[in-house]
Amino acid sequence: MSVKETLHELDELLPSAVALPSSAVVAGGLIGGYAVARFTGVRALGGAVLLAKGVVAGRTWYRSAGPATTAGLSVLYLAGFGLSHPLAKKIGAWPSVFTVAAVNAAASWALVDRHNFRGETD
């Protein structure tokens, strides 16, 4: 069995990829990852939260919008993590985390979630 087949079988066992808005997942990953790292003092644990939420969001992006959008939003997610550090020196740690989380959530909503969670008018 190939890796691709194994991942496909695993994906089939998981709940729907669009059960939660990915915008909420990425915001939770950035804010939660920082909170875990800050309050536990274990940066790797915060990174694990960031990674886990990124994987969950990436699954939704891929299923809903394809590989190009997934790649773009993944880069934005990682860039948000990286850019929050120098931004924190200018505006403070929590404001920086909330800013990059908001940017990521807005991009994820605009490119993916608004298509999955739009209200039906019929």
N, C-alpha and C. Protein backbone atom coordinates (compact mmCIF):
# COMPACT_ATOMS: atom_id res chain seq x y z
N MET A 1 0.85 -1.17 0.00
CA MET A 1 0.00 0.00 0.00
C MET A 1 0.90 1.24 0.00
N SER A 2 0.58 2.19 -0.87
CA SER A 2 1.38 3.41 -0.97
C SER A 2 1.00 4.40 0.14
N VAL A 3 1.85 5.37 0.31
CA VAL A 3 1.58 6.43 1.29
C VAL A 3 0.30 7.17 0.92
N LYS A 4 0.13 7.43 -0.36
CA LYS A 4 -1.06 8.14 -0.83
C LYS A 4 -2.33 7.35 -0.49
N GLU A 5 -2.31 6.04 -0.71
CA GLU A 5 -3.46 5.21 -0.39
C GLU A 5 -3.73 5.18 1.11
N THR A 6 -2.67 5.10 1.89
CA THR A 6 -2.81 5.10 3.35
C THR A 6 -3.43 6.40 3.84
N LEU A 7 -2.94 7.52 3.31
CA LEU A 7 -3.50 8.82 3.70
C LEU A 7 -4.95 8.95 3.26
N HIS A 8 -5.27 8.42 2.11
CA HIS A 8 -6.66 8.47 1.64
C HIS A 8 -7.57 7.66 2.56
N GLU A 9 -7.12 6.49 2.96
CA GLU A 9 -7.92 5.67 3.88
C GLU A 9 -8.09 6.35 5.23
N LEU A 10 -7.03 6.98 5.72
CA LEU A 10 -7.12 7.72 6.99
C LEU A 10 -8.10 8.87 6.85
N ASP A 11 -8.03 9.58 5.74
CA ASP A 11 -8.92 10.71 5.50
C ASP A 11 -10.38 10.27 5.49
N GLU A 12 -10.65 9.11 4.97
CA GLU A 12 -12.02 8.59 4.92
C GLU A 12 -12.56 8.27 6.32
N LEU A 13 -11.68 7.97 7.26
CA LEU A 13 -12.10 7.64 8.62
C LEU A 13 -12.42 8.89 9.45
N LEU A 14 -11.90 10.04 9.03
CA LEU A 14 -12.08 11.28 9.78
C LEU A 14 -13.41 11.93 9.45
N PRO A 15 -13.89 12.81 10.34
CA PRO A 15 -15.12 13.55 10.04
C PRO A 15 -14.94 14.42 8.79
N SER A 16 -16.01 14.92 8.27
CA SER A 16 -15.98 15.77 7.09
C SER A 16 -14.93 16.87 7.21
N ALA A 17 -14.23 17.10 6.11
CA ALA A 17 -13.19 18.13 6.10
C ALA A 17 -13.77 19.53 6.26
N VAL A 18 -15.05 19.70 6.03
CA VAL A 18 -15.65 21.02 6.12
C VAL A 18 -16.62 21.14 7.30
N ALA A 19 -16.42 20.34 8.32
CA ALA A 19 -17.30 20.39 9.49
C ALA A 19 -17.14 21.69 10.27
N LEU A 20 -15.94 22.23 10.29
CA LEU A 20 -15.65 23.50 10.98
C LEU A 20 -15.09 24.50 9.98
N PRO A 21 -15.39 25.77 10.13
CA PRO A 21 -14.78 26.77 9.26
C PRO A 21 -13.27 26.80 9.46
N SER A 22 -12.52 26.71 8.39
CA SER A 22 -11.06 26.73 8.50
C SER A 22 -10.56 28.07 9.05
N SER A 23 -11.34 29.12 8.87
CA SER A 23 -10.94 30.42 9.41
C SER A 23 -10.86 30.37 10.94
N ALA A 24 -11.79 29.68 11.56
CA ALA A 24 -11.76 29.52 13.01
C ALA A 24 -10.60 28.62 13.44
N VAL A 25 -10.31 27.61 12.64
CA VAL A 25 -9.23 26.68 12.96
C VAL A 25 -7.87 27.40 12.91
N VAL A 26 -7.64 28.20 11.85
CA VAL A 26 -6.33 28.88 11.75
C VAL A 26 -6.18 29.94 12.83
N ALA A 27 -7.25 30.66 13.13
CA ALA A 27 -7.17 31.64 14.21
C ALA A 27 -6.88 30.93 15.53
N GLY A 28 -7.55 29.82 15.76
CA GLY A 28 -7.31 29.03 16.96
C GLY A 28 -5.90 28.47 17.02
N GLY A 29 -5.36 28.11 15.87
CA GLY A 29 -3.99 27.59 15.83
C GLY A 29 -2.96 28.64 16.18
N LEU A 30 -3.11 29.83 15.63
CA LEU A 30 -2.15 30.90 15.92
C LEU A 30 -2.28 31.42 17.36
N ILE A 31 -3.51 31.66 17.78
CA ILE A 31 -3.73 32.16 19.14
C ILE A 31 -3.45 31.06 20.16
N GLY A 32 -3.98 29.88 19.91
CA GLY A 32 -3.78 28.77 20.84
C GLY A 32 -2.33 28.33 20.92
N GLY A 33 -1.66 28.29 19.79
CA GLY A 33 -0.24 27.91 19.79
C GLY A 33 0.59 28.87 20.63
N TYR A 34 0.32 30.16 20.46
CA TYR A 34 1.05 31.15 21.26
C TYR A 34 0.70 31.02 22.73
N ALA A 35 -0.58 30.87 23.03
CA ALA A 35 -1.00 30.77 24.43
C ALA A 35 -0.38 29.55 25.12
N VAL A 36 -0.39 28.42 24.43
CA VAL A 36 0.19 27.20 25.01
C VAL A 36 1.69 27.40 25.26
N ALA A 37 2.40 27.95 24.28
CA ALA A 37 3.83 28.18 24.44
C ALA A 37 4.12 29.16 25.58
N ARG A 38 3.34 30.21 25.63
CA ARG A 38 3.58 31.24 26.66
C ARG A 38 3.26 30.73 28.06
N PHE A 39 2.14 30.06 28.23
CA PHE A 39 1.71 29.68 29.58
C PHE A 39 2.34 28.40 30.10
N THR A 40 2.84 27.55 29.17
CA THR A 40 3.54 26.35 29.63
C THR A 40 5.04 26.55 29.67
N GLY A 41 5.52 27.53 28.92
CA GLY A 41 6.95 27.74 28.80
C GLY A 41 7.62 26.74 27.87
N VAL A 42 6.83 25.94 27.17
CA VAL A 42 7.37 24.92 26.26
C VAL A 42 7.00 25.34 24.83
N ARG A 43 7.97 25.94 24.15
CA ARG A 43 7.71 26.44 22.80
C ARG A 43 7.33 25.32 21.84
N ALA A 44 7.94 24.16 22.01
CA ALA A 44 7.64 23.04 21.11
C ALA A 44 6.19 22.60 21.24
N LEU A 45 5.64 22.70 22.42
CA LEU A 45 4.24 22.34 22.62
C LEU A 45 3.33 23.33 21.88
N GLY A 46 3.67 24.59 21.93
CA GLY A 46 2.93 25.59 21.16
C GLY A 46 3.05 25.33 19.67
N GLY A 47 4.24 24.92 19.24
CA GLY A 47 4.44 24.57 17.83
C GLY A 47 3.61 23.37 17.42
N ALA A 48 3.44 22.43 18.33
CA ALA A 48 2.62 21.25 18.03
C ALA A 48 1.16 21.66 17.82
N VAL A 49 0.68 22.59 18.64
CA VAL A 49 -0.69 23.10 18.46
C VAL A 49 -0.81 23.80 17.11
N LEU A 50 0.16 24.64 16.79
CA LEU A 50 0.19 25.35 15.52
C LEU A 50 0.17 24.35 14.35
N LEU A 51 0.99 23.32 14.44
CA LEU A 51 1.06 22.32 13.38
C LEU A 51 -0.25 21.54 13.25
N ALA A 52 -0.79 21.08 14.36
CA ALA A 52 -2.02 20.29 14.32
C ALA A 52 -3.17 21.08 13.70
N LYS A 53 -3.32 22.32 14.12
CA LYS A 53 -4.40 23.15 13.57
C LYS A 53 -4.16 23.45 12.09
N GLY A 54 -2.89 23.62 11.72
CA GLY A 54 -2.56 23.85 10.31
C GLY A 54 -2.92 22.66 9.44
N VAL A 55 -2.69 21.47 9.95
CA VAL A 55 -3.05 20.26 9.21
C VAL A 55 -4.56 20.15 9.05
N VAL A 56 -5.29 20.44 10.11
CA VAL A 56 -6.76 20.37 10.05
C VAL A 56 -7.29 21.40 9.03
N ALA A 57 -6.79 22.61 9.10
CA ALA A 57 -7.22 23.64 8.15
C ALA A 57 -6.81 23.28 6.74
N GLY A 58 -5.59 22.77 6.58
CA GLY A 58 -5.10 22.39 5.25
C GLY A 58 -5.96 21.32 4.60
N ARG A 59 -6.47 20.42 5.39
CA ARG A 59 -7.37 19.37 4.87
C ARG A 59 -8.64 20.01 4.30
N THR A 60 -9.17 21.00 5.00
CA THR A 60 -10.36 21.70 4.50
C THR A 60 -10.03 22.48 3.24
N TRP A 61 -8.91 23.20 3.26
CA TRP A 61 -8.52 23.98 2.09
C TRP A 61 -8.37 23.09 0.86
N TYR A 62 -7.70 21.97 1.05
CA TYR A 62 -7.44 21.07 -0.08
C TYR A 62 -8.74 20.50 -0.63
N ARG A 63 -9.60 20.04 0.26
CA ARG A 63 -10.87 19.45 -0.17
C ARG A 63 -11.77 20.49 -0.85
N SER A 64 -11.75 21.71 -0.36
CA SER A 64 -12.68 22.73 -0.83
C SER A 64 -12.15 23.56 -1.99
N ALA A 65 -10.84 23.81 -2.03
CA ALA A 65 -10.32 24.76 -3.01
C ALA A 65 -9.13 24.26 -3.82
N GLY A 66 -8.62 23.08 -3.50
CA GLY A 66 -7.55 22.52 -4.31
C GLY A 66 -6.15 22.85 -3.82
N PRO A 67 -5.15 22.32 -4.54
CA PRO A 67 -3.77 22.44 -4.08
C PRO A 67 -3.18 23.85 -4.15
N ALA A 68 -3.56 24.64 -5.14
CA ALA A 68 -2.97 25.98 -5.25
C ALA A 68 -3.41 26.87 -4.08
N THR A 69 -4.69 26.86 -3.78
CA THR A 69 -5.19 27.66 -2.65
C THR A 69 -4.62 27.13 -1.34
N THR A 70 -4.52 25.82 -1.23
CA THR A 70 -3.94 25.22 -0.02
C THR A 70 -2.50 25.68 0.17
N ALA A 71 -1.74 25.69 -0.90
CA ALA A 71 -0.34 26.14 -0.82
C ALA A 71 -0.27 27.61 -0.40
N GLY A 72 -1.09 28.44 -1.01
CA GLY A 72 -1.08 29.86 -0.69
C GLY A 72 -1.47 30.14 0.75
N LEU A 73 -2.54 29.50 1.21
CA LEU A 73 -2.98 29.71 2.59
C LEU A 73 -2.00 29.11 3.59
N SER A 74 -1.34 28.02 3.22
CA SER A 74 -0.32 27.43 4.09
C SER A 74 0.87 28.38 4.25
N VAL A 75 1.29 28.98 3.16
CA VAL A 75 2.38 29.96 3.22
C VAL A 75 1.97 31.14 4.09
N LEU A 76 0.75 31.62 3.91
CA LEU A 76 0.26 32.74 4.73
C LEU A 76 0.24 32.37 6.21
N TYR A 77 -0.20 31.16 6.52
CA TYR A 77 -0.26 30.69 7.91
C TYR A 77 1.13 30.67 8.54
N LEU A 78 2.08 30.10 7.82
CA LEU A 78 3.46 30.06 8.34
C LEU A 78 4.09 31.45 8.39
N ALA A 79 3.78 32.27 7.39
CA ALA A 79 4.29 33.64 7.40
C ALA A 79 3.70 34.42 8.57
N GLY A 80 2.44 34.19 8.87
CA GLY A 80 1.82 34.86 10.01
C GLY A 80 2.53 34.51 11.30
N PHE A 81 2.86 33.24 11.46
CA PHE A 81 3.63 32.81 12.63
C PHE A 81 4.97 33.53 12.67
N GLY A 82 5.68 33.52 11.56
CA GLY A 82 7.00 34.15 11.52
C GLY A 82 6.95 35.66 11.69
N LEU A 83 5.99 36.31 11.05
CA LEU A 83 5.91 37.77 11.11
C LEU A 83 5.36 38.29 12.43
N SER A 84 4.70 37.42 13.18
CA SER A 84 4.18 37.88 14.48
C SER A 84 5.31 38.23 15.43
N HIS A 85 6.48 37.62 15.25
CA HIS A 85 7.61 37.90 16.15
C HIS A 85 8.14 39.33 15.99
N PRO A 86 8.51 39.77 14.78
CA PRO A 86 8.96 41.17 14.66
C PRO A 86 7.83 42.17 14.90
N LEU A 87 6.61 41.81 14.52
CA LEU A 87 5.48 42.69 14.77
C LEU A 87 5.26 42.88 16.27
N ALA A 88 5.51 41.85 17.05
CA ALA A 88 5.35 41.94 18.51
C ALA A 88 6.26 42.99 19.11
N LYS A 89 7.41 43.21 18.51
CA LYS A 89 8.33 44.24 19.02
C LYS A 89 7.77 45.64 18.81
N LYS A 90 6.89 45.77 17.84
CA LYS A 90 6.29 47.08 17.53
C LYS A 90 4.99 47.33 18.29
N ILE A 91 4.14 46.30 18.39
CA ILE A 91 2.80 46.54 18.97
C ILE A 91 2.50 45.69 20.19
N GLY A 92 3.39 44.78 20.55
CA GLY A 92 3.15 43.90 21.69
C GLY A 92 2.80 42.49 21.23
N ALA A 93 3.03 41.54 22.12
CA ALA A 93 2.87 40.14 21.76
C ALA A 93 1.43 39.76 21.41
N TRP A 94 0.51 39.99 22.34
CA TRP A 94 -0.87 39.59 22.08
C TRP A 94 -1.50 40.34 20.91
N PRO A 95 -1.31 41.67 20.81
CA PRO A 95 -1.86 42.35 19.63
C PRO A 95 -1.30 41.80 18.32
N SER A 96 -0.04 41.44 18.33
CA SER A 96 0.58 40.87 17.15
C SER A 96 -0.07 39.53 16.78
N VAL A 97 -0.25 38.67 17.77
CA VAL A 97 -0.86 37.36 17.53
C VAL A 97 -2.29 37.53 17.02
N PHE A 98 -3.04 38.43 17.64
CA PHE A 98 -4.42 38.66 17.19
C PHE A 98 -4.46 39.23 15.77
N THR A 99 -3.50 40.08 15.43
CA THR A 99 -3.45 40.66 14.08
C THR A 99 -3.20 39.61 13.03
N VAL A 100 -2.18 38.77 13.22
CA VAL A 100 -1.89 37.75 12.21
C VAL A 100 -2.99 36.69 12.17
N ALA A 101 -3.61 36.42 13.30
CA ALA A 101 -4.73 35.48 13.32
C ALA A 101 -5.91 36.04 12.52
N ALA A 102 -6.18 37.32 12.68
CA ALA A 102 -7.28 37.95 11.94
C ALA A 102 -7.02 37.96 10.44
N VAL A 103 -5.80 38.25 10.04
CA VAL A 103 -5.45 38.25 8.61
C VAL A 103 -5.62 36.85 8.03
N ASN A 104 -5.12 35.85 8.75
CA ASN A 104 -5.24 34.47 8.28
C ASN A 104 -6.70 34.02 8.23
N ALA A 105 -7.46 34.36 9.25
CA ALA A 105 -8.87 33.97 9.28
C ALA A 105 -9.64 34.64 8.13
N ALA A 106 -9.36 35.91 7.89
CA ALA A 106 -10.05 36.62 6.81
C ALA A 106 -9.72 36.00 5.45
N ALA A 107 -8.46 35.67 5.22
CA ALA A 107 -8.06 35.07 3.94
C ALA A 107 -8.70 33.69 3.77
N SER A 108 -8.71 32.92 4.84
CA SER A 108 -9.30 31.59 4.78
C SER A 108 -10.81 31.67 4.54
N TRP A 109 -11.45 32.62 5.18
CA TRP A 109 -12.89 32.80 4.96
C TRP A 109 -13.16 33.22 3.51
N ALA A 110 -12.40 34.20 3.02
CA ALA A 110 -12.63 34.73 1.68
C ALA A 110 -12.39 33.70 0.59
N LEU A 111 -11.36 32.87 0.76
CA LEU A 111 -10.99 31.93 -0.29
C LEU A 111 -11.66 30.56 -0.18
N VAL A 112 -12.09 30.19 1.02
CA VAL A 112 -12.62 28.83 1.21
C VAL A 112 -13.98 28.81 1.91
N ASP A 113 -14.01 29.31 3.13
CA ASP A 113 -15.19 29.11 3.98
C ASP A 113 -16.45 29.78 3.48
N ARG A 114 -16.35 30.91 2.83
CA ARG A 114 -17.58 31.58 2.38
C ARG A 114 -18.32 30.73 1.36
N HIS A 115 -17.59 29.86 0.68
CA HIS A 115 -18.24 28.95 -0.27
C HIS A 115 -18.86 27.75 0.44
N ASN A 116 -18.26 27.34 1.56
CA ASN A 116 -18.75 26.17 2.29
C ASN A 116 -19.87 26.50 3.27
N PHE A 117 -19.88 27.72 3.78
CA PHE A 117 -20.81 28.06 4.86
C PHE A 117 -21.75 29.21 4.53
N ARG A 118 -21.95 29.47 3.26
CA ARG A 118 -22.87 30.55 2.89
C ARG A 118 -24.29 30.13 3.22
N GLY A 119 -25.07 31.09 3.61
CA GLY A 119 -26.47 30.79 3.94
C GLY A 119 -27.27 30.50 2.70
N GLU A 120 -28.14 29.55 2.81
CA GLU A 120 -29.02 29.21 1.69
C GLU A 120 -30.21 30.16 1.70
N THR A 121 -30.51 30.76 0.58
CA THR A 121 -31.59 31.73 0.49
C THR A 121 -32.86 31.15 -0.13
N ASP A 122 -32.84 29.88 -0.43
CA ASP A 122 -34.01 29.26 -1.06
C ASP A 122 -35.12 29.05 -0.09
